[in-house]
N, C-alpha and C. Protein backbone atom coordinates (compact mmCIF):
# COMPACT_ATOMS: atom_id res chain seq x y z
N UNK A 1 7.44 -11.04 36.08
CA UNK A 1 6.44 -10.04 36.42
C UNK A 1 6.74 -8.72 35.70
N UNK A 2 8.01 -8.32 35.65
CA UNK A 2 8.40 -7.08 34.98
C UNK A 2 8.06 -7.14 33.49
N UNK A 3 8.24 -8.31 32.89
CA UNK A 3 7.94 -8.47 31.46
C UNK A 3 6.44 -8.31 31.23
N UNK A 4 5.63 -8.87 32.10
CA UNK A 4 4.19 -8.76 31.99
C UNK A 4 3.75 -7.30 32.10
N UNK A 5 4.30 -6.57 33.03
CA UNK A 5 3.96 -5.16 33.21
C UNK A 5 4.36 -4.36 31.98
N UNK A 6 5.54 -4.63 31.43
CA UNK A 6 6.01 -3.94 30.22
C UNK A 6 5.08 -4.22 29.05
N UNK A 7 4.65 -5.45 28.90
CA UNK A 7 3.78 -5.82 27.78
C UNK A 7 2.42 -5.13 27.89
N UNK A 8 1.91 -4.98 29.09
CA UNK A 8 0.62 -4.34 29.30
C UNK A 8 0.74 -2.83 29.06
N UNK A 9 1.85 -2.23 29.44
CA UNK A 9 2.02 -0.78 29.31
C UNK A 9 2.37 -0.36 27.89
N UNK A 10 2.94 -1.22 27.09
CA UNK A 10 3.40 -0.87 25.74
C UNK A 10 2.32 -0.26 24.85
N UNK A 11 1.09 -0.77 24.82
CA UNK A 11 0.10 -0.17 23.94
C UNK A 11 -0.17 1.31 24.23
N UNK A 12 -0.06 1.75 25.47
CA UNK A 12 -0.30 3.15 25.77
C UNK A 12 0.81 4.03 25.20
N UNK A 13 2.03 3.53 25.06
CA UNK A 13 3.11 4.30 24.46
C UNK A 13 2.82 4.55 23.00
N UNK A 14 2.20 3.62 22.33
CA UNK A 14 1.94 3.75 20.90
C UNK A 14 0.97 4.89 20.60
N UNK A 15 0.22 5.35 21.57
CA UNK A 15 -0.76 6.41 21.36
C UNK A 15 -0.14 7.80 21.34
N UNK A 16 1.06 7.97 21.85
CA UNK A 16 1.69 9.28 21.92
C UNK A 16 2.03 9.77 20.52
N UNK A 17 1.60 11.00 20.16
CA UNK A 17 1.85 11.51 18.81
C UNK A 17 2.61 12.83 18.81
N UNK A 18 3.21 13.20 19.88
CA UNK A 18 3.99 14.44 19.86
C UNK A 18 3.86 15.20 21.15
N UNK A 19 4.32 16.44 21.12
CA UNK A 19 4.47 17.29 22.28
C UNK A 19 3.36 17.15 23.32
N UNK A 20 2.13 17.49 22.97
CA UNK A 20 1.05 17.42 23.94
C UNK A 20 0.18 16.21 23.79
N UNK A 21 0.44 15.41 22.78
CA UNK A 21 -0.29 14.17 22.48
C UNK A 21 -1.73 14.41 22.10
N UNK A 22 -2.15 15.66 21.96
CA UNK A 22 -3.52 15.96 21.56
C UNK A 22 -3.48 16.64 20.20
N UNK A 23 -4.22 16.12 19.25
CA UNK A 23 -4.30 16.72 17.92
C UNK A 23 -5.60 17.49 17.83
N UNK A 24 -5.50 18.80 17.60
CA UNK A 24 -6.67 19.66 17.50
C UNK A 24 -7.09 19.82 16.04
N UNK A 25 -8.31 20.23 15.80
CA UNK A 25 -8.81 20.41 14.43
C UNK A 25 -9.30 21.85 14.21
N UNK A 26 -8.41 22.82 14.36
CA UNK A 26 -8.81 24.21 14.11
C UNK A 26 -8.87 24.49 12.61
N UNK A 27 -9.47 25.61 12.26
CA UNK A 27 -9.42 26.07 10.87
C UNK A 27 -8.09 26.79 10.64
N UNK A 28 -7.76 27.00 9.39
CA UNK A 28 -6.54 27.76 9.07
C UNK A 28 -6.67 29.17 9.64
N UNK A 29 -7.84 29.78 9.54
CA UNK A 29 -8.04 31.12 10.09
C UNK A 29 -7.76 31.16 11.59
N UNK A 30 -8.19 30.13 12.31
CA UNK A 30 -7.94 30.06 13.76
C UNK A 30 -6.46 29.89 14.05
N UNK A 31 -5.77 29.07 13.25
CA UNK A 31 -4.32 28.88 13.45
C UNK A 31 -3.60 30.20 13.23
N UNK A 32 -3.95 30.92 12.16
CA UNK A 32 -3.29 32.19 11.86
C UNK A 32 -3.58 33.26 12.92
N UNK A 33 -4.80 33.24 13.48
CA UNK A 33 -5.19 34.24 14.47
C UNK A 33 -4.51 34.02 15.82
N UNK A 34 -4.36 32.76 16.22
CA UNK A 34 -3.75 32.45 17.52
C UNK A 34 -2.83 31.24 17.39
N UNK A 35 -1.69 31.41 16.73
CA UNK A 35 -0.79 30.28 16.53
C UNK A 35 -0.12 29.85 17.84
N UNK A 36 -0.01 28.54 18.03
CA UNK A 36 0.67 27.99 19.20
C UNK A 36 1.79 27.11 18.67
N UNK A 37 3.03 27.55 18.85
CA UNK A 37 4.18 26.81 18.33
C UNK A 37 4.21 25.41 18.90
N UNK A 38 4.35 24.43 18.02
CA UNK A 38 4.43 23.04 18.44
C UNK A 38 3.10 22.33 18.58
N UNK A 39 2.00 23.05 18.42
CA UNK A 39 0.67 22.45 18.56
C UNK A 39 0.40 21.49 17.40
N UNK A 40 -0.06 20.30 17.70
CA UNK A 40 -0.42 19.33 16.68
C UNK A 40 -1.83 19.63 16.19
N UNK A 41 -1.98 19.71 14.86
CA UNK A 41 -3.27 20.05 14.27
C UNK A 41 -3.61 19.08 13.14
N UNK A 42 -4.91 18.98 12.86
CA UNK A 42 -5.42 18.22 11.72
C UNK A 42 -6.27 19.18 10.91
N UNK A 43 -5.91 19.37 9.63
CA UNK A 43 -6.66 20.27 8.76
C UNK A 43 -7.03 19.54 7.48
N UNK A 44 -8.14 19.96 6.91
CA UNK A 44 -8.60 19.39 5.64
C UNK A 44 -8.81 20.52 4.65
N UNK A 45 -8.34 20.30 3.42
CA UNK A 45 -8.48 21.31 2.39
C UNK A 45 -7.72 20.92 1.15
N UNK A 46 -7.15 21.92 0.48
CA UNK A 46 -6.51 21.71 -0.82
C UNK A 46 -5.15 22.39 -0.88
N UNK A 47 -4.21 21.75 -1.57
CA UNK A 47 -2.96 22.41 -1.90
C UNK A 47 -3.23 23.32 -3.08
N UNK A 48 -2.91 24.60 -2.94
CA UNK A 48 -3.18 25.56 -4.00
C UNK A 48 -2.03 25.65 -5.00
N UNK A 49 -0.80 25.60 -4.48
CA UNK A 49 0.37 25.73 -5.34
C UNK A 49 1.62 25.24 -4.63
N UNK A 50 2.63 24.96 -5.43
CA UNK A 50 3.95 24.60 -4.90
C UNK A 50 4.79 25.87 -4.91
N UNK A 51 5.32 26.24 -3.76
CA UNK A 51 6.11 27.47 -3.64
C UNK A 51 7.57 27.19 -4.01
N UNK A 52 8.09 26.12 -3.45
CA UNK A 52 9.45 25.65 -3.74
C UNK A 52 9.51 24.20 -3.28
N UNK A 53 10.67 23.60 -3.34
CA UNK A 53 10.81 22.20 -2.95
C UNK A 53 10.25 21.95 -1.55
N UNK A 54 9.29 21.05 -1.45
CA UNK A 54 8.67 20.62 -0.19
C UNK A 54 7.93 21.74 0.55
N UNK A 55 7.57 22.82 -0.16
CA UNK A 55 6.83 23.93 0.44
C UNK A 55 5.63 24.26 -0.45
N UNK A 56 4.43 24.30 0.17
CA UNK A 56 3.18 24.45 -0.57
C UNK A 56 2.29 25.48 0.10
N UNK A 57 1.37 26.06 -0.68
CA UNK A 57 0.32 26.91 -0.13
C UNK A 57 -0.91 26.03 0.02
N UNK A 58 -1.52 26.06 1.20
CA UNK A 58 -2.67 25.21 1.55
C UNK A 58 -3.83 26.10 1.95
N UNK A 59 -5.05 25.68 1.62
CA UNK A 59 -6.24 26.41 2.04
C UNK A 59 -7.34 25.43 2.45
N UNK A 60 -8.05 25.80 3.51
CA UNK A 60 -9.22 25.03 3.92
C UNK A 60 -10.51 25.80 3.66
N UNK A 61 -10.39 26.93 2.96
CA UNK A 61 -11.55 27.77 2.67
C UNK A 61 -11.70 28.92 3.65
N UNK A 62 -11.01 28.87 4.79
CA UNK A 62 -11.08 29.96 5.77
C UNK A 62 -9.85 30.84 5.72
N UNK A 63 -8.80 30.36 5.07
CA UNK A 63 -7.55 31.09 4.98
C UNK A 63 -6.50 30.25 4.27
N UNK A 64 -5.34 30.86 4.05
CA UNK A 64 -4.24 30.17 3.40
C UNK A 64 -3.02 30.16 4.31
N UNK A 65 -2.29 29.03 4.29
CA UNK A 65 -1.12 28.89 5.15
C UNK A 65 -0.05 28.10 4.40
N UNK A 66 1.20 28.46 4.65
CA UNK A 66 2.32 27.72 4.07
C UNK A 66 2.45 26.39 4.79
N UNK A 67 2.69 25.35 4.01
CA UNK A 67 2.81 24.01 4.57
C UNK A 67 4.10 23.37 4.07
N UNK A 68 4.89 22.88 4.99
CA UNK A 68 6.11 22.14 4.65
C UNK A 68 5.76 20.65 4.65
N UNK A 69 5.92 20.01 3.48
CA UNK A 69 5.60 18.59 3.36
C UNK A 69 6.80 17.88 2.75
N UNK A 70 7.44 17.02 3.52
CA UNK A 70 8.55 16.22 3.00
C UNK A 70 8.03 15.31 1.90
N UNK A 71 8.82 15.12 0.87
CA UNK A 71 8.42 14.23 -0.23
C UNK A 71 8.03 12.85 0.28
N UNK A 72 8.70 12.38 1.34
CA UNK A 72 8.42 11.06 1.91
C UNK A 72 7.03 10.97 2.56
N UNK A 73 6.45 12.12 2.92
CA UNK A 73 5.15 12.13 3.60
C UNK A 73 3.96 12.19 2.63
N UNK A 74 4.24 12.40 1.35
CA UNK A 74 3.17 12.41 0.35
C UNK A 74 2.66 11.00 0.10
N UNK A 75 1.35 10.87 -0.17
CA UNK A 75 0.85 9.56 -0.60
C UNK A 75 1.48 9.20 -1.95
N UNK A 76 1.44 7.94 -2.31
CA UNK A 76 2.03 7.48 -3.56
C UNK A 76 1.30 8.04 -4.78
N UNK A 77 0.00 8.31 -4.65
CA UNK A 77 -0.77 8.83 -5.78
C UNK A 77 -0.51 10.32 -5.97
N UNK A 78 -0.58 10.81 -7.20
CA UNK A 78 -0.41 12.24 -7.45
C UNK A 78 -1.54 13.04 -6.82
N UNK A 79 -1.24 14.26 -6.40
CA UNK A 79 -2.23 15.15 -5.79
C UNK A 79 -2.31 16.41 -6.63
N UNK A 80 -3.54 16.83 -6.98
CA UNK A 80 -3.74 18.09 -7.69
C UNK A 80 -4.46 19.06 -6.77
N UNK A 81 -4.63 20.30 -7.24
CA UNK A 81 -5.33 21.31 -6.44
C UNK A 81 -6.80 20.98 -6.27
N UNK A 82 -7.33 20.03 -7.02
CA UNK A 82 -8.73 19.63 -6.90
C UNK A 82 -8.95 18.56 -5.84
N UNK A 83 -7.88 17.87 -5.45
CA UNK A 83 -7.99 16.79 -4.46
C UNK A 83 -8.09 17.36 -3.05
N UNK A 84 -9.07 16.87 -2.30
CA UNK A 84 -9.18 17.26 -0.89
C UNK A 84 -8.28 16.34 -0.09
N UNK A 85 -7.47 16.95 0.77
CA UNK A 85 -6.53 16.17 1.58
C UNK A 85 -6.71 16.47 3.06
N UNK A 86 -6.20 15.56 3.87
CA UNK A 86 -6.15 15.77 5.32
C UNK A 86 -4.69 15.73 5.71
N UNK A 87 -4.28 16.73 6.46
CA UNK A 87 -2.89 16.84 6.90
C UNK A 87 -2.86 16.90 8.42
N UNK A 88 -2.01 16.08 9.01
CA UNK A 88 -1.73 16.17 10.44
C UNK A 88 -0.31 16.71 10.54
N UNK A 89 -0.15 17.76 11.32
CA UNK A 89 1.17 18.36 11.42
C UNK A 89 1.30 19.26 12.62
N UNK A 90 2.44 19.92 12.68
CA UNK A 90 2.78 20.76 13.82
C UNK A 90 2.86 22.21 13.39
N UNK A 91 2.25 23.09 14.17
CA UNK A 91 2.32 24.52 13.90
C UNK A 91 3.74 25.00 14.21
N UNK A 92 4.29 25.77 13.28
CA UNK A 92 5.64 26.32 13.45
C UNK A 92 5.54 27.83 13.33
N UNK A 93 5.87 28.54 14.40
CA UNK A 93 5.81 29.99 14.39
C UNK A 93 7.21 30.56 14.24
N UNK A 94 7.29 31.77 13.76
CA UNK A 94 8.57 32.47 13.62
C UNK A 94 8.38 33.94 13.92
N UNK A 95 9.46 34.59 14.29
CA UNK A 95 9.37 36.01 14.63
C UNK A 95 9.16 36.89 13.41
N UNK A 96 9.71 36.49 12.26
CA UNK A 96 9.67 37.35 11.08
C UNK A 96 8.86 36.78 9.93
N UNK A 97 7.99 35.82 10.23
CA UNK A 97 7.15 35.23 9.19
C UNK A 97 5.85 34.73 9.80
N UNK A 98 4.83 34.57 8.97
CA UNK A 98 3.56 34.02 9.47
C UNK A 98 3.74 32.56 9.88
N UNK A 99 2.83 32.04 10.68
CA UNK A 99 2.90 30.63 11.08
C UNK A 99 2.81 29.71 9.87
N UNK A 100 3.39 28.53 10.01
CA UNK A 100 3.35 27.49 8.98
C UNK A 100 2.93 26.19 9.65
N UNK A 101 2.65 25.18 8.83
CA UNK A 101 2.39 23.84 9.34
C UNK A 101 3.45 22.91 8.76
N UNK A 102 4.12 22.17 9.63
CA UNK A 102 5.06 21.14 9.21
C UNK A 102 4.33 19.82 9.23
N UNK A 103 4.03 19.29 8.06
CA UNK A 103 3.21 18.08 7.94
C UNK A 103 3.96 16.85 8.43
N UNK A 104 3.23 15.99 9.11
CA UNK A 104 3.75 14.68 9.51
C UNK A 104 3.09 13.57 8.73
N UNK A 105 1.84 13.80 8.28
CA UNK A 105 1.16 12.82 7.44
C UNK A 105 0.18 13.55 6.53
N UNK A 106 0.02 12.98 5.34
CA UNK A 106 -0.89 13.53 4.33
C UNK A 106 -1.67 12.38 3.73
N UNK A 107 -2.99 12.56 3.62
CA UNK A 107 -3.78 11.54 2.95
C UNK A 107 -4.86 12.20 2.10
N UNK A 108 -5.14 11.58 0.97
CA UNK A 108 -6.19 12.06 0.08
C UNK A 108 -7.52 11.57 0.61
N UNK A 109 -8.49 12.46 0.69
CA UNK A 109 -9.83 12.10 1.17
C UNK A 109 -10.70 11.65 0.00
N UNK A 110 -11.64 10.76 0.27
CA UNK A 110 -12.53 10.29 -0.81
C UNK A 110 -13.49 11.39 -1.26
């Protein structure tokens, strides 16, 4: 009986994606205006430039934000500033710097 209950409950565990388990879709301007540390967000836009290793400037047309993207999280295909991408990540706030997004997944949009 315990095995059956575990098997039925397992699919609901797979849905959890982080702190609050809810991924919001604010604009970059909204994130910058009211950043919530640890909030999971989904944004679509373009990488404007590489600042340093694994650090990029991102824009969705409403504003620009620094984005930390691990090399492992990039798609296999090359990405240019012309490619529209979707990033799911976590807002990271700091006392002495503007908010950033720490990417968990990146995909190129058609």
